[in-house]
Amino acid sequence: MNKKILIAFCFLFSAFSSHAQQVPRFNPDTILTIVIDSAVNIRSHRLNTQDFIDAVMNDTSFYKAFQNMKSYAFTAENRIYTYDKKNKVNGKVYRRLLHSNIAGKHHIEYTAKRDSGNVFKKNGKYQLYTAEMFDYIFMNAYNSDFVKSEGTSAENKSKNEGYKAKLKTLVFTPGRKVPGIPFISSKTEIFGPELRQFYTYEFARGKYLDSIPVYRFKVKRKRSTSADDVMIQEMTTIFDVNNFEILGRYIDMKYSNMLFDFNVQMNIELNRFNEQLLPVKISYQGNWDIPFHKEERASFLIVHKDYKKE
């Protein structure tokens, strides 16, 4: 993991430009997985805004859901699409993988593998840093929880762990300040005193996956606030009513200045298997554009299913 990939991730949170409606899109919005019963008067539920903020900031179950996979065999279906400047698909990747952890050893078996178009370089690496980073975080990131890396110096390992910590903070615990991310570190602390004034909060109650009672907590940029004043335009978190565990998160990020331009929609959904939370869907769509790099446009969909306890 090198600095180029870290920079790529800084701009991984990126979405489609003015041509976005022309692009085939995955549905990245957990909100649409929920049937909303009604808006919630949180006072009647003996809750307040700070309760939801504290739950977002202090939750550990969301990331642990990915670590829980080490105890299961499961099937993953991964799809990647890349796009040209006219938002026409110019590359496709499809993978169906069977993950298992026999005797504590992680094993991946490819049961289907199809590629087409402009996806990989001659050396087998992805053409796009965005695709490489997404693959690192979601398709294989949890491998590091199963096996120890070999042949890595202590210095490089330390740097890599530092990079990974920043990435995990951005993805799994949004709302915190993330030092060391160029230009946007101060834009991620949406519940802090400087940025809180730019957002409104909405609460609703509904059913997730047709059966699980949930709260929906939406943090949204005020209409009176310029999109340039903030980076996170909207963040929706889905809480289990019974224990306040996070079951899903939708995040929309957008920012532009003289140095770069990015805007993202990304969604992560969890469900319970044997009383443990596990990832079931991850989707992303976007592009990023910075000087001296080719503009990147891509969308991803990862679905996990057939979990079996090992």
C-alpha atoms as a PDB file:
ATOM      1  CA  MET A   1       0.000   0.000   0.000  1.00  0.00           C
ATOM      2  CA  ASN A   2       1.738   3.193  -1.091  1.00  0.00           C
ATOM      3  CA  LYS A   3       1.109   6.921  -0.995  1.00  0.00           C
ATOM      4  CA  LYS A   4      -0.427   6.893  -4.472  1.00  0.00           C
ATOM      5  CA  ILE A   5      -3.126   4.540  -3.241  1.00  0.00           C
ATOM      6  CA  LEU A   6      -3.731   6.691  -0.158  1.00  0.00           C
ATOM      7  CA  ILE A   7      -4.159   9.720  -2.416  1.00  0.00           C
ATOM      8  CA  ALA A   8      -6.512   7.681  -4.551  1.00  0.00           C
ATOM      9  CA  PHE A   9      -8.637   6.927  -1.544  1.00  0.00           C
ATOM     10  CA  CYS A  10      -8.770  10.588  -0.605  1.00  0.00           C
ATOM     11  CA  PHE A  11     -10.636  11.002  -3.852  1.00  0.00           C
ATOM     12  CA  LEU A  12     -12.368   7.641  -3.854  1.00  0.00           C
ATOM     13  CA  PHE A  13     -15.348   9.410  -2.359  1.00  0.00           C
ATOM     14  CA  SER A  14     -16.374  10.798  -5.699  1.00  0.00           C
ATOM     15  CA  ALA A  15     -19.525  10.788  -7.793  1.00  0.00           C
ATOM     16  CA  PHE A  16     -20.629  11.338 -11.332  1.00  0.00           C
ATOM     17  CA  SER A  17     -20.496  14.784 -12.909  1.00  0.00           C
ATOM     18  CA  SER A  18     -23.241  16.568 -14.814  1.00  0.00           C
ATOM     19  CA  HIS A  19     -23.668  13.491 -17.035  1.00  0.00           C
ATOM     20  CA  ALA A  20     -24.467  11.267 -14.039  1.00  0.00           C
ATOM     21  CA  GLN A  21     -28.017  10.463 -15.081  1.00  0.00           C
ATOM     22  CA  GLN A  22     -26.681   8.812 -18.252  1.00  0.00           C
ATOM     23  CA  VAL A  23     -24.612   6.268 -16.321  1.00  0.00           C
ATOM     24  CA  PRO A  24     -25.952   2.808 -15.387  1.00  0.00           C
ATOM     25  CA  ARG A  25     -26.175   3.022 -11.616  1.00  0.00           C
ATOM     26  CA  PHE A  26     -26.432   0.638  -8.709  1.00  0.00           C
ATOM     27  CA  ASN A  27     -28.903   1.713  -6.074  1.00  0.00           C
ATOM     28  CA  PRO A  28     -26.595   2.875  -3.292  1.00  0.00           C
ATOM     29  CA  ASP A  29     -29.230   4.108  -0.885  1.00  0.00           C
ATOM     30  CA  THR A  30     -30.074   2.136   2.255  1.00  0.00           C
ATOM     31  CA  ILE A  31     -33.063   4.442   2.631  1.00  0.00           C
ATOM     32  CA  LEU A  32     -34.774   2.632  -0.235  1.00  0.00           C
ATOM     33  CA  THR A  33     -34.287  -0.724   1.519  1.00  0.00           C
ATOM     34  CA  ILE A  34     -36.479   0.584   4.328  1.00  0.00           C
ATOM     35  CA  VAL A  35     -40.230   0.959   4.421  1.00  0.00           C
ATOM     36  CA  ILE A  36     -40.757   4.136   6.438  1.00  0.00           C
ATOM     37  CA  ASP A  37     -43.703   4.083   8.815  1.00  0.00           C
ATOM     38  CA  SER A  38     -43.571   7.709   9.890  1.00  0.00           C
ATOM     39  CA  ALA A  39     -41.446  10.574  11.061  1.00  0.00           C
ATOM     40  CA  VAL A  40     -40.358  10.143  14.659  1.00  0.00           C
ATOM     41  CA  ASN A  41     -40.869  12.571  17.495  1.00  0.00           C
ATOM     42  CA  ILE A  42     -37.744  11.447  19.283  1.00  0.00           C
ATOM     43  CA  ARG A  43     -38.807  13.057  22.562  1.00  0.00           C
ATOM     44  CA  SER A  44     -41.698  10.620  22.765  1.00  0.00           C
ATOM     45  CA  HIS A  45     -39.122   7.834  22.474  1.00  0.00           C
ATOM     46  CA  ARG A  46     -37.027   9.422  25.232  1.00  0.00           C
ATOM     47  CA  LEU A  47     -34.280  10.144  22.727  1.00  0.00           C
ATOM     48  CA  ASN A  48     -32.597  13.311  21.537  1.00  0.00           C
ATOM     49  CA  THR A  49     -30.271  14.333  18.723  1.00  0.00           C
ATOM     50  CA  GLN A  50     -27.185  13.795  20.844  1.00  0.00           C
ATOM     51  CA  ASP A  51     -28.197  10.188  21.502  1.00  0.00           C
ATOM     52  CA  PHE A  52     -28.018   9.473  17.785  1.00  0.00           C
ATOM     53  CA  ILE A  53     -24.774  11.409  17.350  1.00  0.00           C
ATOM     54  CA  ASP A  54     -23.189   9.532  20.261  1.00  0.00           C
ATOM     55  CA  ALA A  55     -24.340   6.237  18.757  1.00  0.00           C
ATOM     56  CA  VAL A  56     -22.732   7.103  15.408  1.00  0.00           C
ATOM     57  CA  MET A  57     -19.481   8.206  17.029  1.00  0.00           C
ATOM     58  CA  ASN A  58     -19.144   5.383  19.557  1.00  0.00           C
ATOM     59  CA  ASP A  59     -20.403   2.411  17.556  1.00  0.00           C
ATOM     60  CA  THR A  60     -17.956  -0.444  16.983  1.00  0.00           C
ATOM     61  CA  SER A  61     -20.385  -3.075  15.711  1.00  0.00           C
ATOM     62  CA  PHE A  62     -20.385  -1.703  12.153  1.00  0.00           C
ATOM     63  CA  TYR A  63     -16.712  -2.414  11.525  1.00  0.00           C
ATOM     64  CA  LYS A  64     -16.767  -5.589  13.633  1.00  0.00           C
ATOM     65  CA  ALA A  65     -19.340  -6.975  11.215  1.00  0.00           C
ATOM     66  CA  PHE A  66     -16.509  -7.261   8.684  1.00  0.00           C
ATOM     67  CA  GLN A  67     -14.269  -8.954  11.223  1.00  0.00           C
ATOM     68  CA  ASN A  68     -17.077 -11.407  11.998  1.00  0.00           C
ATOM     69  CA  MET A  69     -16.664 -12.859   8.517  1.00  0.00           C
ATOM     70  CA  LYS A  70     -13.625 -14.804   9.709  1.00  0.00           C
ATOM     71  CA  SER A  71     -15.994 -17.268  11.389  1.00  0.00           C
ATOM     72  CA  TYR A  72     -18.041 -17.957   8.255  1.00  0.00           C
ATOM     73  CA  ALA A  73     -17.904 -19.436   4.824  1.00  0.00           C
ATOM     74  CA  PHE A  74     -19.796 -17.283   2.331  1.00  0.00           C
ATOM     75  CA  THR A  75     -20.209 -16.419  -1.314  1.00  0.00           C
ATOM     76  CA  ALA A  76     -19.262 -12.972  -2.609  1.00  0.00           C
ATOM     77  CA  GLU A  77     -20.382 -11.572  -5.951  1.00  0.00           C
ATOM     78  CA  ASN A  78     -18.334  -8.557  -7.019  1.00  0.00           C
ATOM     79  CA  ARG A  79     -19.066  -6.298  -9.974  1.00  0.00           C
ATOM     80  CA  ILE A  80     -16.981  -3.350 -11.178  1.00  0.00           C
ATOM     81  CA  TYR A  81     -17.831  -1.025 -14.054  1.00  0.00           C
ATOM     82  CA  THR A  82     -15.532   1.678 -15.388  1.00  0.00           C
ATOM     83  CA  TYR A  83     -16.622   4.536 -17.666  1.00  0.00           C
ATOM     84  CA  ASP A  84     -15.147   6.862 -20.261  1.00  0.00           C
ATOM     85  CA  LYS A  85     -15.596  10.643 -20.318  1.00  0.00           C
ATOM     86  CA  LYS A  86     -18.983  10.262 -21.994  1.00  0.00           C
ATOM     87  CA  ASN A  87     -20.055   7.903 -19.194  1.00  0.00           C
ATOM     88  CA  LYS A  88     -20.166   4.906 -21.480  1.00  0.00           C
ATOM     89  CA  VAL A  89     -19.051   1.627 -19.931  1.00  0.00           C
ATOM     90  CA  ASN A  90     -15.508   0.809 -21.072  1.00  0.00           C
ATOM     91  CA  GLY A  91     -14.636  -1.947 -18.619  1.00  0.00           C
ATOM     92  CA  LYS A  92     -16.374  -4.701 -16.655  1.00  0.00           C
ATOM     93  CA  VAL A  93     -15.248  -7.099 -13.946  1.00  0.00           C
ATOM     94  CA  TYR A  94     -17.337  -9.891 -12.460  1.00  0.00           C
ATOM     95  CA  ARG A  95     -16.161 -12.213  -9.703  1.00  0.00           C
ATOM     96  CA  ARG A  96     -17.995 -14.896  -7.772  1.00  0.00           C
ATOM     97  CA  LEU A  97     -15.848 -16.089  -4.902  1.00  0.00           C
ATOM     98  CA  LEU A  98     -16.305 -18.731  -2.238  1.00  0.00           C
ATOM     99  CA  HIS A  99     -14.636 -17.695   1.013  1.00  0.00           C
ATOM    100  CA  SER A 100     -13.811 -20.260   3.677  1.00  0.00           C
ATOM    101  CA  ASN A 101     -11.711 -20.349   6.833  1.00  0.00           C
ATOM    102  CA  ILE A 102     -10.881 -23.972   7.440  1.00  0.00           C
ATOM    103  CA  ALA A 103      -8.697 -24.526  10.512  1.00  0.00           C
ATOM    104  CA  GLY A 104      -8.311 -20.765  10.833  1.00  0.00           C
ATOM    105  CA  LYS A 105      -6.819 -20.451   7.355  1.00  0.00           C
ATOM    106  CA  HIS A 106      -8.556 -18.104   4.945  1.00  0.00           C
ATOM    107  CA  HIS A 107      -9.138 -19.513   1.472  1.00  0.00           C
ATOM    108  CA  ILE A 108     -10.715 -17.974  -1.638  1.00  0.00           C
ATOM    109  CA  GLU A 109     -11.975 -20.060  -4.527  1.00  0.00           C
ATOM    110  CA  TYR A 110     -13.037 -18.333  -7.749  1.00  0.00           C
ATOM    111  CA  THR A 111     -16.203 -19.982  -9.028  1.00  0.00           C
ATOM    112  CA  ALA A 112     -16.719 -17.410 -11.801  1.00  0.00           C
ATOM    113  CA  LYS A 113     -14.409 -14.791 -13.296  1.00  0.00           C
ATOM    114  CA  ARG A 114     -15.175 -12.547 -16.272  1.00  0.00           C
ATOM    115  CA  ASP A 115     -13.419  -9.386 -17.473  1.00  0.00           C
ATOM    116  CA  SER A 116     -13.935  -7.206 -20.504  1.00  0.00           C
ATOM    117  CA  GLY A 117     -12.790  -3.823 -21.727  1.00  0.00           C
ATOM    118  CA  ASN A 118     -10.207  -1.452 -20.313  1.00  0.00           C
ATOM    119  CA  VAL A 119      -9.825  -2.609 -16.702  1.00  0.00           C
ATOM    120  CA  PHE A 120      -6.304  -3.952 -16.159  1.00  0.00           C
ATOM    121  CA  LYS A 121      -2.780  -2.941 -17.114  1.00  0.00           C
ATOM    122  CA  LYS A 122      -0.395  -5.377 -18.781  1.00  0.00           C
ATOM    123  CA  ASN A 123       1.111  -6.208 -15.385  1.00  0.00           C
ATOM    124  CA  GLY A 124      -2.316  -7.318 -14.129  1.00  0.00           C
ATOM    125  CA  LYS A 125      -2.945  -4.308 -11.900  1.00  0.00           C
ATOM    126  CA  TYR A 126      -6.058  -2.158 -12.185  1.00  0.00           C
ATOM    127  CA  GLN A 127      -5.995   0.776 -14.593  1.00  0.00           C
ATOM    128  CA  LEU A 128      -7.753   2.906 -11.971  1.00  0.00           C
ATOM    129  CA  TYR A 129      -6.479   3.678  -8.482  1.00  0.00           C
ATOM    130  CA  THR A 130     -10.134   3.914  -7.446  1.00  0.00           C
ATOM    131  CA  ALA A 131     -10.751   0.279  -8.377  1.00  0.00           C
ATOM    132  CA  GLU A 132      -7.545  -0.818  -6.669  1.00  0.00           C
ATOM    133  CA  MET A 133      -8.476   0.954  -3.449  1.00  0.00           C
ATOM    134  CA  PHE A 134     -12.052  -0.298  -3.426  1.00  0.00           C
ATOM    135  CA  ASP A 135     -10.778  -3.826  -3.985  1.00  0.00           C
ATOM    136  CA  TYR A 136      -8.340  -3.349  -1.104  1.00  0.00           C
ATOM    137  CA  ILE A 137     -10.943  -2.105   1.351  1.00  0.00           C
ATOM    138  CA  PHE A 138     -13.991  -4.208   0.597  1.00  0.00           C
ATOM    139  CA  MET A 139     -13.134  -7.215  -1.527  1.00  0.00           C
ATOM    140  CA  ASN A 140     -10.036  -8.366   0.320  1.00  0.00           C
ATOM    141  CA  ALA A 141      -9.385  -5.910   3.175  1.00  0.00           C
ATOM    142  CA  TYR A 142     -10.564  -8.382   5.770  1.00  0.00           C
ATOM    143  CA  ASN A 143      -7.866 -10.837   4.664  1.00  0.00           C
ATOM    144  CA  SER A 144      -5.469  -8.951   6.936  1.00  0.00           C
ATOM    145  CA  ASP A 145      -7.686  -9.924   9.853  1.00  0.00           C
ATOM    146  CA  PHE A 146      -7.304 -13.592   8.925  1.00  0.00           C
ATOM    147  CA  VAL A 147      -3.616 -13.851   8.061  1.00  0.00           C
ATOM    148  CA  LYS A 148      -0.441 -12.020   8.946  1.00  0.00           C
ATOM    149  CA  SER A 149       1.422 -10.323   6.120  1.00  0.00           C
ATOM    150  CA  GLU A 150       4.845 -11.773   5.420  1.00  0.00           C
ATOM    151  CA  GLY A 151       8.001 -10.228   4.055  1.00  0.00           C
ATOM    152  CA  THR A 152       7.073  -6.711   5.184  1.00  0.00           C
ATOM    153  CA  SER A 153       9.551  -4.534   7.033  1.00  0.00           C
ATOM    154  CA  ALA A 154       8.535  -3.005  10.350  1.00  0.00           C
ATOM    155  CA  GLU A 155       8.745   0.484   8.830  1.00  0.00           C
ATOM    156  CA  ASN A 156       6.532  -0.348   5.842  1.00  0.00           C
ATOM    157  CA  LYS A 157       4.124  -2.258   8.031  1.00  0.00           C
ATOM    158  CA  SER A 158       3.811   0.750  10.325  1.00  0.00           C
ATOM    159  CA  LYS A 159       3.103   3.073   7.377  1.00  0.00           C
ATOM    160  CA  ASN A 160       0.584   0.661   5.908  1.00  0.00           C
ATOM    161  CA  GLU A 161      -1.233   0.288   9.207  1.00  0.00           C
ATOM    162  CA  GLY A 162      -1.382   4.078   9.483  1.00  0.00           C
ATOM    163  CA  TYR A 163      -2.897   4.377   6.023  1.00  0.00           C
ATOM    164  CA  LYS A 164      -5.389   1.597   6.754  1.00  0.00           C
ATOM    165  CA  ALA A 165      -6.435   3.295   9.985  1.00  0.00           C
ATOM    166  CA  LYS A 166      -7.274   6.483   8.069  1.00  0.00           C
ATOM    167  CA  LEU A 167      -9.233   4.579   5.450  1.00  0.00           C
ATOM    168  CA  LYS A 168     -11.199   2.653   8.043  1.00  0.00           C
ATOM    169  CA  THR A 169     -12.057   5.869   9.868  1.00  0.00           C
ATOM    170  CA  LEU A 170     -13.418   7.463   6.698  1.00  0.00           C
ATOM    171  CA  VAL A 171     -15.495   4.434   5.765  1.00  0.00           C
ATOM    172  CA  PHE A 172     -16.629   2.946   9.050  1.00  0.00           C
ATOM    173  CA  THR A 173     -16.718   5.855  11.501  1.00  0.00           C
ATOM    174  CA  PRO A 174     -17.589   8.995   9.515  1.00  0.00           C
ATOM    175  CA  GLY A 175     -18.027  12.151  11.537  1.00  0.00           C
ATOM    176  CA  ARG A 176     -14.564  12.105  13.033  1.00  0.00           C
ATOM    177  CA  LYS A 177     -11.676  14.327  12.050  1.00  0.00           C
ATOM    178  CA  VAL A 178      -9.131  12.354  10.013  1.00  0.00           C
ATOM    179  CA  PRO A 179      -5.660  13.940  10.311  1.00  0.00           C
ATOM    180  CA  GLY A 180      -3.297  13.463   7.413  1.00  0.00           C
ATOM    181  CA  ILE A 181      -5.818  13.484   4.561  1.00  0.00           C
ATOM    182  CA  PRO A 182      -4.841  16.423   2.328  1.00  0.00           C
ATOM    183  CA  PHE A 183      -7.319  19.299   2.040  1.00  0.00           C
ATOM    184  CA  ILE A 184     -10.314  17.525   3.580  1.00  0.00           C
ATOM    185  CA  SER A 185      -9.329  16.573   7.140  1.00  0.00           C
ATOM    186  CA  SER A 186     -11.349  19.403   8.672  1.00  0.00           C
ATOM    187  CA  LYS A 187     -14.377  18.632   6.470  1.00  0.00           C
ATOM    188  CA  THR A 188     -15.066  15.203   7.954  1.00  0.00           C
ATOM    189  CA  GLU A 189     -15.893  16.345  11.509  1.00  0.00           C
ATOM    190  CA  ILE A 190     -19.558  17.038  10.788  1.00  0.00           C
ATOM    191  CA  PHE A 191     -20.689  16.918  14.422  1.00  0.00           C
ATOM    192  CA  GLY A 192     -17.993  19.335  15.577  1.00  0.00           C
ATOM    193  CA  PRO A 193     -18.722  22.962  16.547  1.00  0.00           C
ATOM    194  CA  GLU A 194     -17.509  24.410  13.237  1.00  0.00           C
ATOM    195  CA  LEU A 195     -19.575  22.214  10.898  1.00  0.00           C
ATOM    196  CA  ARG A 196     -22.620  21.291  12.950  1.00  0.00           C
ATOM    197  CA  GLN A 197     -24.285  24.594  12.099  1.00  0.00           C
ATOM    198  CA  PHE A 198     -24.444  23.570   8.416  1.00  0.00           C
ATOM    199  CA  TYR A 199     -26.622  20.466   8.933  1.00  0.00           C
ATOM    200  CA  THR A 200     -30.179  19.508   9.773  1.00  0.00           C
ATOM    201  CA  TYR A 201     -31.281  16.241  11.390  1.00  0.00           C
ATOM    202  CA  GLU A 202     -34.230  14.099  10.383  1.00  0.00           C
ATOM    203  CA  PHE A 203     -35.641  11.092  12.230  1.00  0.00           C
ATOM    204  CA  ALA A 204     -37.967   8.354  11.018  1.00  0.00           C
ATOM    205  CA  ARG A 205     -39.068   4.903  12.036  1.00  0.00           C
ATOM    206  CA  GLY A 206     -39.574   1.964   9.714  1.00  0.00           C
ATOM    207  CA  LYS A 207     -38.847  -1.642   8.767  1.00  0.00           C
ATOM    208  CA  TYR A 208     -35.532  -2.817   7.369  1.00  0.00           C
ATOM    209  CA  LEU A 209     -35.666  -5.914   5.128  1.00  0.00           C
ATOM    210  CA  ASP A 210     -39.422  -6.072   5.778  1.00  0.00           C
ATOM    211  CA  SER A 211     -39.087  -7.259   9.357  1.00  0.00           C
ATOM    212  CA  ILE A 212     -36.505  -5.431  11.487  1.00  0.00           C
ATOM    213  CA  PRO A 213     -37.802  -2.303  13.298  1.00  0.00           C
ATOM    214  CA  VAL A 214     -35.329   0.540  12.816  1.00  0.00           C
ATOM    215  CA  TYR A 215     -34.685   4.229  13.318  1.00  0.00           C
ATOM    216  CA  ARG A 216     -33.409   6.246  10.378  1.00  0.00           C
ATOM    217  CA  PHE A 217     -31.138   9.136  11.357  1.00  0.00           C
ATOM    218  CA  LYS A 218     -30.397  11.470   8.457  1.00  0.00           C
ATOM    219  CA  VAL A 219     -27.788  14.247   8.638  1.00  0.00           C
ATOM    220  CA  LYS A 220     -28.304  16.566   5.690  1.00  0.00           C
ATOM    221  CA  ARG A 221     -26.719  19.793   4.474  1.00  0.00           C
ATOM    222  CA  LYS A 222     -29.014  22.758   5.024  1.00  0.00           C
ATOM    223  CA  ARG A 223     -30.455  24.258   1.853  1.00  0.00           C
ATOM    224  CA  SER A 224     -29.114  27.629   2.918  1.00  0.00           C
ATOM    225  CA  THR A 225     -25.586  26.178   3.083  1.00  0.00           C
ATOM    226  CA  SER A 226     -23.410  26.178  -0.010  1.00  0.00           C
ATOM    227  CA  ALA A 227     -22.292  22.743  -1.172  1.00  0.00           C
ATOM    228  CA  ASP A 228     -18.738  24.125  -1.127  1.00  0.00           C
ATOM    229  CA  ASP A 229     -18.900  24.812   2.633  1.00  0.00           C
ATOM    230  CA  VAL A 230     -19.098  21.128   3.494  1.00  0.00           C
ATOM    231  CA  MET A 231     -17.844  17.827   2.119  1.00  0.00           C
ATOM    232  CA  ILE A 232     -20.458  15.422   3.486  1.00  0.00           C
ATOM    233  CA  GLN A 233     -23.706  16.393   1.798  1.00  0.00           C
ATOM    234  CA  GLU A 234     -25.776  13.702   3.487  1.00  0.00           C
ATOM    235  CA  MET A 235     -25.243  10.768   5.819  1.00  0.00           C
ATOM    236  CA  THR A 236     -28.020   8.364   6.738  1.00  0.00           C
ATOM    237  CA  THR A 237     -27.547   5.751   9.439  1.00  0.00           C
ATOM    238  CA  ILE A 238     -29.955   2.909  10.170  1.00  0.00           C
ATOM    239  CA  PHE A 239     -30.243   1.770  13.801  1.00  0.00           C
ATOM    240  CA  ASP A 240     -31.866  -1.357  15.174  1.00  0.00           C
ATOM    241  CA  VAL A 241     -34.601  -0.076  17.505  1.00  0.00           C
ATOM    242  CA  ASN A 242     -33.955  -2.834  20.046  1.00  0.00           C
ATOM    243  CA  ASN A 243     -30.231  -2.372  20.662  1.00  0.00           C
ATOM    244  CA  PHE A 244     -29.166   0.691  18.604  1.00  0.00           C
ATOM    245  CA  GLU A 245     -26.699  -1.323  16.567  1.00  0.00           C
ATOM    246  CA  ILE A 246     -26.012   0.119  13.114  1.00  0.00           C
ATOM    247  CA  LEU A 247     -27.467  -1.961  10.284  1.00  0.00           C
ATOM    248  CA  GLY A 248     -26.746   0.328   7.350  1.00  0.00           C
ATOM    249  CA  ARG A 249     -25.110   3.549   6.258  1.00  0.00           C
ATOM    250  CA  TYR A 250     -25.559   5.710   3.181  1.00  0.00           C
ATOM    251  CA  ILE A 251     -23.135   8.560   2.584  1.00  0.00           C
ATOM    252  CA  ASP A 252     -23.046  11.269  -0.071  1.00  0.00           C
ATOM    253  CA  MET A 253     -19.856  13.332  -0.323  1.00  0.00           C
ATOM    254  CA  LYS A 254     -19.016  16.146  -2.690  1.00  0.00           C
ATOM    255  CA  TYR A 255     -16.255  18.728  -2.808  1.00  0.00           C
ATOM    256  CA  SER A 256     -14.522  20.821  -5.423  1.00  0.00           C
ATOM    257  CA  ASN A 257     -11.700  23.339  -5.514  1.00  0.00           C
ATOM    258  CA  MET A 258      -8.846  24.340  -7.839  1.00  0.00           C
ATOM    259  CA  LEU A 259      -6.919  21.151  -7.032  1.00  0.00           C
ATOM    260  CA  PHE A 260      -9.534  18.431  -7.245  1.00  0.00           C
ATOM    261  CA  ASP A 261     -13.161  17.579  -7.836  1.00  0.00           C
ATOM    262  CA  PHE A 262     -15.021  14.668  -6.263  1.00  0.00           C
ATOM    263  CA  ASN A 263     -18.522  13.575  -5.225  1.00  0.00           C
ATOM    264  CA  VAL A 264     -19.653  10.135  -3.965  1.00  0.00           C
ATOM    265  CA  GLN A 265     -22.601   7.953  -3.190  1.00  0.00           C
ATOM    266  CA  MET A 266     -21.782   4.864  -1.181  1.00  0.00           C
ATOM    267  CA  ASN A 267     -23.855   2.415   0.795  1.00  0.00           C
ATOM    268  CA  ILE A 268     -23.109  -0.438   3.205  1.00  0.00           C
ATOM    269  CA  GLU A 269     -25.785  -2.810   4.510  1.00  0.00           C
ATOM    270  CA  LEU A 270     -25.584  -5.478   7.229  1.00  0.00           C
ATOM    271  CA  ASN A 271     -27.837  -8.287   8.412  1.00  0.00           C
ATOM    272  CA  ARG A 272     -27.780 -10.856  11.215  1.00  0.00           C
ATOM    273  CA  PHE A 273     -26.750 -14.469  10.863  1.00  0.00           C
ATOM    274  CA  ASN A 274     -26.578 -16.590  14.014  1.00  0.00           C
ATOM    275  CA  GLU A 275     -27.109 -13.351  15.973  1.00  0.00           C
ATOM    276  CA  GLN A 276     -23.966 -11.790  14.473  1.00  0.00           C
ATOM    277  CA  LEU A 277     -23.936  -8.787  12.170  1.00  0.00           C
ATOM    278  CA  LEU A 278     -22.386  -9.472   8.765  1.00  0.00           C
ATOM    279  CA  PRO A 279     -22.088  -7.408   5.548  1.00  0.00           C
ATOM    280  CA  VAL A 280     -24.622  -8.225   2.825  1.00  0.00           C
ATOM    281  CA  LYS A 281     -24.283  -5.349   0.325  1.00  0.00           C
ATOM    282  CA  ILE A 282     -21.750  -2.653  -0.495  1.00  0.00           C
ATOM    283  CA  SER A 283     -22.177  -0.275  -3.393  1.00  0.00           C
ATOM    284  CA  TYR A 284     -20.316   2.753  -4.680  1.00  0.00           C
ATOM    285  CA  GLN A 285     -20.501   5.021  -7.684  1.00  0.00           C
ATOM    286  CA  GLY A 286     -18.358   7.964  -8.620  1.00  0.00           C
ATOM    287  CA  ASN A 287     -15.415   9.654 -10.237  1.00  0.00           C
ATOM    288  CA  TRP A 288     -12.484  11.739  -9.107  1.00  0.00           C
ATOM    289  CA  ASP A 289     -10.360  14.260 -10.946  1.00  0.00           C
ATOM    290  CA  ILE A 290      -7.038  15.716  -9.776  1.00  0.00           C
ATOM    291  CA  PRO A 291      -4.141  17.313 -11.683  1.00  0.00           C
ATOM    292  CA  PHE A 292      -1.671  15.001 -13.434  1.00  0.00           C
ATOM    293  CA  HIS A 293      -4.018  12.017 -13.154  1.00  0.00           C
ATOM    294  CA  LYS A 294      -6.535  10.679 -15.609  1.00  0.00           C
ATOM    295  CA  GLU A 295     -10.106  11.323 -14.491  1.00  0.00           C
ATOM    296  CA  GLU A 296     -11.594   8.132 -13.068  1.00  0.00           C
ATOM    297  CA  ARG A 297     -15.229   7.008 -13.259  1.00  0.00           C
ATOM    298  CA  ALA A 298     -16.371   3.741 -11.745  1.00  0.00           C
ATOM    299  CA  SER A 299     -19.165   1.943  -9.933  1.00  0.00           C
ATOM    300  CA  PHE A 300     -19.031  -1.139  -7.737  1.00  0.00           C
ATOM    301  CA  LEU A 301     -21.463  -3.629  -6.259  1.00  0.00           C
ATOM    302  CA  ILE A 302     -20.508  -6.327  -3.753  1.00  0.00           C
ATOM    303  CA  VAL A 303     -23.084  -8.804  -2.466  1.00  0.00           C
ATOM    304  CA  HIS A 304     -22.371 -11.374   0.260  1.00  0.00           C
ATOM    305  CA  LYS A 305     -24.704 -14.336   0.727  1.00  0.00           C
ATOM    306  CA  ASP A 306     -24.975 -17.969   1.874  1.00  0.00           C
ATOM    307  CA  TYR A 307     -23.187 -17.399   5.161  1.00  0.00           C
ATOM    308  CA  LYS A 308     -22.392 -20.660   6.967  1.00  0.00           C
ATOM    309  CA  LYS A 309     -20.807 -20.869  10.412  1.00  0.00           C
ATOM    310  CA  GLU A 310     -17.430 -22.619  10.454  1.00  0.00           C
END
